[in-house]
């Protein structure tokens, strides 16, 4: 199996030396995404972790779909927050998004980590693993 780079204009271009996603066989790994508008490259919704979570998940979904998969193929999401205080608002937005986009009714696994993120305006970063 060869490794294939995944790229789409429907998600932000990577700012560094990595691809938006990588496929190898049935596995699709989506690189960490933030609340960035794909068209402008601007970070959106300063101070609103719920809105940032939704925008970030939209970026993740766009990359998953560019790989030929669907959100239902996502088996794991890893969420990185800058503060534990944002957990409830992130969890509410996250739950609404994954329920809406998981038509099978089986939600992906998830890990949530409190960490420093690369940009001050980022309150959340999310990466994903899909299998299809």
N, C-alpha and C. Protein backbone atom coordinates (compact mmCIF):
# COMPACT_ATOMS: atom_id res chain seq x y z
N UNK A 1 0.84 -1.18 0.00
CA UNK A 1 0.00 0.00 0.00
C UNK A 1 0.88 1.24 0.00
N UNK A 2 0.53 2.16 -0.85
CA UNK A 2 1.29 3.40 -0.87
C UNK A 2 0.59 4.46 -0.04
N UNK A 3 1.36 5.40 0.44
CA UNK A 3 0.85 6.51 1.23
C UNK A 3 0.46 7.63 0.28
N UNK A 4 -0.71 8.25 0.51
CA UNK A 4 -1.23 9.29 -0.38
C UNK A 4 -1.56 10.54 0.43
N UNK A 5 -1.11 11.70 -0.06
CA UNK A 5 -1.45 12.97 0.57
C UNK A 5 -2.88 13.36 0.22
N UNK A 6 -3.60 13.88 1.19
CA UNK A 6 -4.96 14.35 0.98
C UNK A 6 -4.93 15.87 1.04
N UNK A 7 -5.58 16.50 0.07
CA UNK A 7 -5.60 17.95 0.00
C UNK A 7 -6.94 18.43 -0.52
N UNK A 8 -7.46 19.51 0.04
CA UNK A 8 -8.72 20.09 -0.40
C UNK A 8 -8.74 21.59 -0.12
N UNK A 9 -9.37 22.33 -1.01
CA UNK A 9 -9.57 23.77 -0.79
C UNK A 9 -10.69 24.03 0.21
N UNK A 10 -11.45 22.99 0.58
CA UNK A 10 -12.56 23.14 1.51
C UNK A 10 -12.10 23.17 2.97
N UNK A 11 -10.79 23.04 3.18
CA UNK A 11 -10.20 23.14 4.52
C UNK A 11 -8.96 24.02 4.40
N UNK A 12 -8.50 24.58 5.51
CA UNK A 12 -7.33 25.46 5.45
C UNK A 12 -6.08 24.74 4.97
N UNK A 13 -5.29 25.45 4.20
CA UNK A 13 -4.00 24.92 3.77
C UNK A 13 -3.09 24.77 4.99
N UNK A 14 -2.26 23.73 5.01
CA UNK A 14 -1.35 23.58 6.14
C UNK A 14 -0.35 24.74 6.20
N UNK A 15 -0.06 25.16 7.40
CA UNK A 15 0.86 26.29 7.58
C UNK A 15 2.31 25.83 7.69
N UNK A 16 2.53 24.54 7.78
CA UNK A 16 3.88 24.03 8.01
C UNK A 16 4.15 22.82 7.12
N UNK A 17 5.07 21.99 7.52
CA UNK A 17 5.51 20.87 6.69
C UNK A 17 4.73 19.59 6.99
N UNK A 18 3.44 19.60 6.67
CA UNK A 18 2.60 18.43 6.79
C UNK A 18 1.44 18.58 5.81
N UNK A 19 0.74 17.49 5.55
CA UNK A 19 -0.43 17.52 4.69
C UNK A 19 -1.69 17.63 5.53
N UNK A 20 -2.77 18.08 4.91
CA UNK A 20 -4.05 18.13 5.62
C UNK A 20 -4.44 16.75 6.12
N UNK A 21 -4.15 15.75 5.31
CA UNK A 21 -4.46 14.39 5.68
C UNK A 21 -3.57 13.43 4.91
N UNK A 22 -3.52 12.20 5.37
CA UNK A 22 -2.73 11.15 4.73
C UNK A 22 -3.56 9.88 4.72
N UNK A 23 -3.61 9.22 3.56
CA UNK A 23 -4.29 7.93 3.45
C UNK A 23 -3.25 6.85 3.19
N UNK A 24 -3.40 5.73 3.87
CA UNK A 24 -2.63 4.53 3.56
C UNK A 24 -3.59 3.36 3.70
N UNK A 25 -3.89 2.74 2.57
CA UNK A 25 -4.90 1.68 2.58
C UNK A 25 -6.23 2.26 3.02
N UNK A 26 -6.90 1.61 3.95
CA UNK A 26 -8.21 2.10 4.38
C UNK A 26 -8.12 3.18 5.46
N UNK A 27 -6.90 3.51 5.91
CA UNK A 27 -6.73 4.45 7.02
C UNK A 27 -6.53 5.87 6.51
N UNK A 28 -7.27 6.80 7.11
CA UNK A 28 -7.14 8.23 6.79
C UNK A 28 -6.85 8.95 8.10
N UNK A 29 -5.69 9.60 8.16
CA UNK A 29 -5.33 10.40 9.32
C UNK A 29 -5.43 11.86 8.93
N UNK A 30 -6.25 12.61 9.65
CA UNK A 30 -6.40 14.04 9.42
C UNK A 30 -5.50 14.77 10.40
N UNK A 31 -4.66 15.66 9.87
CA UNK A 31 -3.79 16.47 10.72
C UNK A 31 -4.63 17.40 11.59
N UNK A 32 -4.05 17.82 12.70
CA UNK A 32 -4.74 18.72 13.61
C UNK A 32 -5.26 19.96 12.89
N UNK A 33 -6.53 20.24 13.12
CA UNK A 33 -7.19 21.39 12.50
C UNK A 33 -7.61 22.37 13.58
N UNK A 34 -7.69 23.63 13.18
CA UNK A 34 -8.15 24.67 14.08
C UNK A 34 -9.31 25.42 13.46
N UNK A 35 -9.75 26.49 14.12
CA UNK A 35 -10.91 27.25 13.68
C UNK A 35 -10.55 28.27 12.59
N UNK A 36 -10.08 27.77 11.48
CA UNK A 36 -9.58 28.64 10.41
C UNK A 36 -10.53 28.61 9.23
N UNK A 37 -10.81 29.77 8.67
CA UNK A 37 -11.61 29.87 7.46
C UNK A 37 -10.77 29.41 6.28
N UNK A 38 -11.23 28.41 5.51
CA UNK A 38 -10.42 27.90 4.40
C UNK A 38 -10.14 28.95 3.32
N UNK A 39 -11.08 29.85 3.09
CA UNK A 39 -10.92 30.84 2.02
C UNK A 39 -9.93 31.94 2.39
N UNK A 40 -10.04 32.45 3.59
CA UNK A 40 -9.21 33.61 3.98
C UNK A 40 -7.97 33.23 4.77
N UNK A 41 -7.97 32.04 5.39
CA UNK A 41 -6.86 31.65 6.25
C UNK A 41 -6.90 32.33 7.61
N UNK A 42 -7.99 33.04 7.90
CA UNK A 42 -8.12 33.76 9.17
C UNK A 42 -8.67 32.85 10.26
N UNK A 43 -8.17 33.05 11.48
CA UNK A 43 -8.72 32.36 12.65
C UNK A 43 -10.03 33.03 13.02
N UNK A 44 -11.06 32.22 13.25
CA UNK A 44 -12.40 32.72 13.47
C UNK A 44 -12.83 32.60 14.94
N UNK A 45 -13.82 33.36 15.30
CA UNK A 45 -14.53 33.29 16.57
C UNK A 45 -13.63 33.43 17.80
N UNK A 46 -12.89 34.53 17.89
CA UNK A 46 -12.02 34.70 19.06
C UNK A 46 -12.82 34.62 20.37
N UNK A 47 -12.33 33.83 21.28
CA UNK A 47 -12.94 33.71 22.60
C UNK A 47 -14.18 32.83 22.68
N UNK A 48 -14.65 32.25 21.55
CA UNK A 48 -15.86 31.43 21.54
C UNK A 48 -15.50 29.99 21.19
N UNK A 49 -15.23 29.18 22.21
CA UNK A 49 -14.77 27.82 21.98
C UNK A 49 -15.83 26.96 21.31
N UNK A 50 -17.11 27.22 21.56
CA UNK A 50 -18.16 26.45 20.90
C UNK A 50 -18.14 26.66 19.40
N UNK A 51 -18.11 27.92 18.96
CA UNK A 51 -18.06 28.23 17.53
C UNK A 51 -16.76 27.74 16.92
N UNK A 52 -15.65 27.86 17.66
CA UNK A 52 -14.36 27.36 17.16
C UNK A 52 -14.40 25.85 16.99
N UNK A 53 -15.06 25.14 17.89
CA UNK A 53 -15.16 23.68 17.79
C UNK A 53 -15.93 23.28 16.54
N UNK A 54 -17.05 23.94 16.29
CA UNK A 54 -17.84 23.62 15.10
C UNK A 54 -17.05 23.89 13.83
N UNK A 55 -16.38 25.05 13.73
CA UNK A 55 -15.59 25.37 12.54
C UNK A 55 -14.47 24.36 12.35
N UNK A 56 -13.83 23.97 13.45
CA UNK A 56 -12.73 23.01 13.38
C UNK A 56 -13.23 21.66 12.89
N UNK A 57 -14.37 21.21 13.39
CA UNK A 57 -14.94 19.94 12.94
C UNK A 57 -15.37 20.01 11.48
N UNK A 58 -15.83 21.16 11.02
CA UNK A 58 -16.15 21.32 9.59
C UNK A 58 -14.89 21.12 8.75
N UNK A 59 -13.76 21.65 9.22
CA UNK A 59 -12.50 21.46 8.50
C UNK A 59 -12.09 19.99 8.49
N UNK A 60 -12.23 19.33 9.62
CA UNK A 60 -11.91 17.90 9.71
C UNK A 60 -12.78 17.12 8.72
N UNK A 61 -14.07 17.38 8.72
CA UNK A 61 -15.00 16.67 7.84
C UNK A 61 -14.64 16.88 6.37
N UNK A 62 -14.26 18.11 6.00
CA UNK A 62 -13.89 18.39 4.61
C UNK A 62 -12.70 17.55 4.17
N UNK A 63 -11.73 17.36 5.04
CA UNK A 63 -10.55 16.57 4.70
C UNK A 63 -10.91 15.09 4.62
N UNK A 64 -11.72 14.61 5.55
CA UNK A 64 -12.18 13.23 5.51
C UNK A 64 -12.90 12.96 4.18
N UNK A 65 -13.75 13.88 3.78
CA UNK A 65 -14.49 13.70 2.52
C UNK A 65 -13.57 13.80 1.31
N UNK A 66 -12.55 14.64 1.38
CA UNK A 66 -11.59 14.73 0.27
C UNK A 66 -10.83 13.42 0.10
N UNK A 67 -10.75 12.64 1.16
CA UNK A 67 -10.08 11.34 1.10
C UNK A 67 -11.02 10.25 0.57
N UNK A 68 -12.26 10.60 0.26
CA UNK A 68 -13.22 9.62 -0.23
C UNK A 68 -13.98 8.90 0.86
N UNK A 69 -13.87 9.39 2.08
CA UNK A 69 -14.55 8.80 3.23
C UNK A 69 -15.73 9.70 3.62
N UNK A 70 -16.45 9.29 4.64
CA UNK A 70 -17.52 10.11 5.20
C UNK A 70 -17.24 10.29 6.69
N UNK A 71 -17.98 11.20 7.31
CA UNK A 71 -17.80 11.40 8.75
C UNK A 71 -18.14 10.13 9.51
N UNK A 72 -19.04 9.30 8.97
CA UNK A 72 -19.35 8.02 9.61
C UNK A 72 -18.15 7.08 9.64
N UNK A 73 -17.16 7.31 8.79
CA UNK A 73 -15.94 6.49 8.78
C UNK A 73 -14.95 6.90 9.86
N UNK A 74 -15.20 8.03 10.52
CA UNK A 74 -14.30 8.50 11.58
C UNK A 74 -14.49 7.60 12.80
N UNK A 75 -13.38 7.02 13.26
CA UNK A 75 -13.44 6.13 14.42
C UNK A 75 -12.85 6.78 15.67
N UNK A 76 -12.08 7.87 15.48
CA UNK A 76 -11.44 8.51 16.63
C UNK A 76 -11.21 9.99 16.35
N UNK A 77 -11.54 10.82 17.33
CA UNK A 77 -11.24 12.24 17.29
C UNK A 77 -10.45 12.58 18.55
N UNK A 78 -9.41 13.37 18.38
CA UNK A 78 -8.64 13.86 19.52
C UNK A 78 -8.81 15.37 19.58
N UNK A 79 -9.27 15.84 20.74
CA UNK A 79 -9.56 17.25 20.96
C UNK A 79 -8.53 17.81 21.93
N UNK A 80 -7.95 18.92 21.55
CA UNK A 80 -6.97 19.62 22.40
C UNK A 80 -7.54 20.98 22.76
N UNK A 81 -7.65 21.25 24.06
CA UNK A 81 -8.16 22.51 24.56
C UNK A 81 -7.06 23.25 25.30
N UNK A 82 -7.16 24.57 25.34
CA UNK A 82 -6.16 25.35 26.07
C UNK A 82 -6.48 25.44 27.55
N UNK A 83 -7.75 25.24 27.92
CA UNK A 83 -8.13 25.32 29.32
C UNK A 83 -9.29 24.38 29.63
N UNK A 84 -9.26 23.80 30.78
CA UNK A 84 -10.32 22.91 31.25
C UNK A 84 -11.65 23.67 31.35
N UNK A 85 -11.58 24.99 31.58
CA UNK A 85 -12.79 25.80 31.70
C UNK A 85 -13.64 25.79 30.43
N UNK A 86 -13.05 25.48 29.28
CA UNK A 86 -13.77 25.45 28.01
C UNK A 86 -14.41 24.10 27.71
N UNK A 87 -14.22 23.11 28.58
CA UNK A 87 -14.67 21.76 28.26
C UNK A 87 -16.18 21.69 28.01
N UNK A 88 -16.99 22.27 28.87
CA UNK A 88 -18.45 22.15 28.73
C UNK A 88 -18.93 22.76 27.42
N UNK A 89 -18.46 23.93 27.06
CA UNK A 89 -18.90 24.58 25.82
C UNK A 89 -18.40 23.81 24.60
N UNK A 90 -17.16 23.33 24.66
CA UNK A 90 -16.65 22.51 23.56
C UNK A 90 -17.48 21.25 23.43
N UNK A 91 -17.75 20.59 24.54
CA UNK A 91 -18.47 19.32 24.54
C UNK A 91 -19.87 19.49 23.96
N UNK A 92 -20.53 20.59 24.26
CA UNK A 92 -21.87 20.85 23.73
C UNK A 92 -21.83 21.00 22.20
N UNK A 93 -20.91 21.83 21.70
CA UNK A 93 -20.79 22.03 20.25
C UNK A 93 -20.34 20.74 19.57
N UNK A 94 -19.38 20.06 20.16
CA UNK A 94 -18.88 18.79 19.63
C UNK A 94 -20.02 17.78 19.52
N UNK A 95 -20.77 17.61 20.60
CA UNK A 95 -21.87 16.64 20.61
C UNK A 95 -22.89 16.91 19.54
N UNK A 96 -23.26 18.18 19.36
CA UNK A 96 -24.24 18.54 18.32
C UNK A 96 -23.70 18.18 16.94
N UNK A 97 -22.43 18.48 16.69
CA UNK A 97 -21.85 18.21 15.37
C UNK A 97 -21.75 16.72 15.09
N UNK A 98 -21.19 15.96 16.02
CA UNK A 98 -20.99 14.54 15.73
C UNK A 98 -22.32 13.79 15.64
N UNK A 99 -23.31 14.17 16.42
CA UNK A 99 -24.62 13.52 16.29
C UNK A 99 -25.24 13.82 14.93
N UNK A 100 -25.10 15.06 14.47
CA UNK A 100 -25.68 15.44 13.17
C UNK A 100 -24.99 14.73 12.01
N UNK A 101 -23.68 14.48 12.12
CA UNK A 101 -22.92 13.93 10.99
C UNK A 101 -22.58 12.45 11.13
N UNK A 102 -23.11 11.79 12.15
CA UNK A 102 -22.90 10.35 12.32
C UNK A 102 -24.22 9.65 12.04
N UNK A 103 -24.53 9.48 10.76
CA UNK A 103 -25.84 8.95 10.38
C UNK A 103 -26.05 7.51 10.86
N UNK A 104 -24.97 6.78 11.11
CA UNK A 104 -25.11 5.40 11.59
C UNK A 104 -25.56 5.36 13.06
N UNK A 105 -25.42 6.50 13.75
CA UNK A 105 -25.75 6.53 15.17
C UNK A 105 -24.60 6.09 16.06
N UNK A 106 -23.51 5.60 15.45
CA UNK A 106 -22.33 5.20 16.22
C UNK A 106 -21.35 6.37 16.20
N UNK A 107 -21.13 6.95 17.36
CA UNK A 107 -20.26 8.11 17.47
C UNK A 107 -18.80 7.68 17.54
N UNK A 108 -17.88 8.52 17.03
CA UNK A 108 -16.46 8.18 17.10
C UNK A 108 -15.97 8.17 18.55
N UNK A 109 -14.89 7.43 18.78
CA UNK A 109 -14.21 7.54 20.06
C UNK A 109 -13.61 8.93 20.19
N UNK A 110 -13.25 9.32 21.42
CA UNK A 110 -12.68 10.66 21.61
C UNK A 110 -11.75 10.68 22.80
N UNK A 111 -10.70 11.45 22.67
CA UNK A 111 -9.83 11.80 23.78
C UNK A 111 -9.78 13.32 23.84
N UNK A 112 -9.81 13.89 25.03
CA UNK A 112 -9.69 15.33 25.19
C UNK A 112 -8.48 15.61 26.08
N UNK A 113 -7.62 16.50 25.61
CA UNK A 113 -6.38 16.83 26.30
C UNK A 113 -6.32 18.34 26.50
N UNK A 114 -5.87 18.76 27.67
CA UNK A 114 -5.63 20.18 27.91
C UNK A 114 -4.16 20.43 27.59
N UNK A 115 -3.90 21.36 26.67
CA UNK A 115 -2.53 21.56 26.18
C UNK A 115 -2.34 22.99 25.70
N UNK A 116 -1.10 23.39 25.58
CA UNK A 116 -0.79 24.65 24.90
C UNK A 116 -0.93 24.42 23.40
N UNK A 117 -1.50 25.37 22.69
CA UNK A 117 -1.68 25.25 21.25
C UNK A 117 -0.78 26.25 20.54
N UNK A 118 -0.51 26.02 19.24
CA UNK A 118 0.49 26.82 18.54
C UNK A 118 0.15 28.30 18.36
N UNK A 119 -1.13 28.64 18.36
CA UNK A 119 -1.54 30.04 18.16
C UNK A 119 -2.37 30.49 19.34
N UNK A 120 -2.15 31.70 19.79
CA UNK A 120 -2.86 32.22 20.95
C UNK A 120 -4.37 32.25 20.73
N UNK A 121 -4.81 32.56 19.51
CA UNK A 121 -6.24 32.66 19.23
C UNK A 121 -6.95 31.30 19.14
N UNK A 122 -6.17 30.22 19.08
CA UNK A 122 -6.76 28.87 19.03
C UNK A 122 -7.15 28.42 20.43
N UNK A 123 -8.43 28.16 20.61
CA UNK A 123 -8.90 27.59 21.86
C UNK A 123 -9.04 26.08 21.76
N UNK A 124 -9.08 25.57 20.50
CA UNK A 124 -9.30 24.14 20.27
C UNK A 124 -8.56 23.71 19.00
N UNK A 125 -8.07 22.49 19.02
CA UNK A 125 -7.50 21.83 17.84
C UNK A 125 -8.01 20.39 17.86
N UNK A 126 -8.32 19.86 16.67
CA UNK A 126 -8.88 18.51 16.59
C UNK A 126 -8.22 17.75 15.43
N UNK A 127 -7.84 16.50 15.68
CA UNK A 127 -7.40 15.62 14.60
C UNK A 127 -8.28 14.38 14.59
N UNK A 128 -8.20 13.61 13.51
CA UNK A 128 -9.12 12.49 13.34
C UNK A 128 -8.46 11.30 12.66
N UNK A 129 -9.00 10.14 12.93
CA UNK A 129 -8.64 8.91 12.24
C UNK A 129 -9.93 8.31 11.69
N UNK A 130 -9.92 8.07 10.36
CA UNK A 130 -11.07 7.43 9.71
C UNK A 130 -10.59 6.16 9.03
N UNK A 131 -11.47 5.19 8.89
CA UNK A 131 -11.17 3.95 8.19
C UNK A 131 -12.30 3.70 7.21
N UNK A 132 -11.95 3.56 5.91
CA UNK A 132 -13.00 3.24 4.93
C UNK A 132 -12.46 2.40 3.80
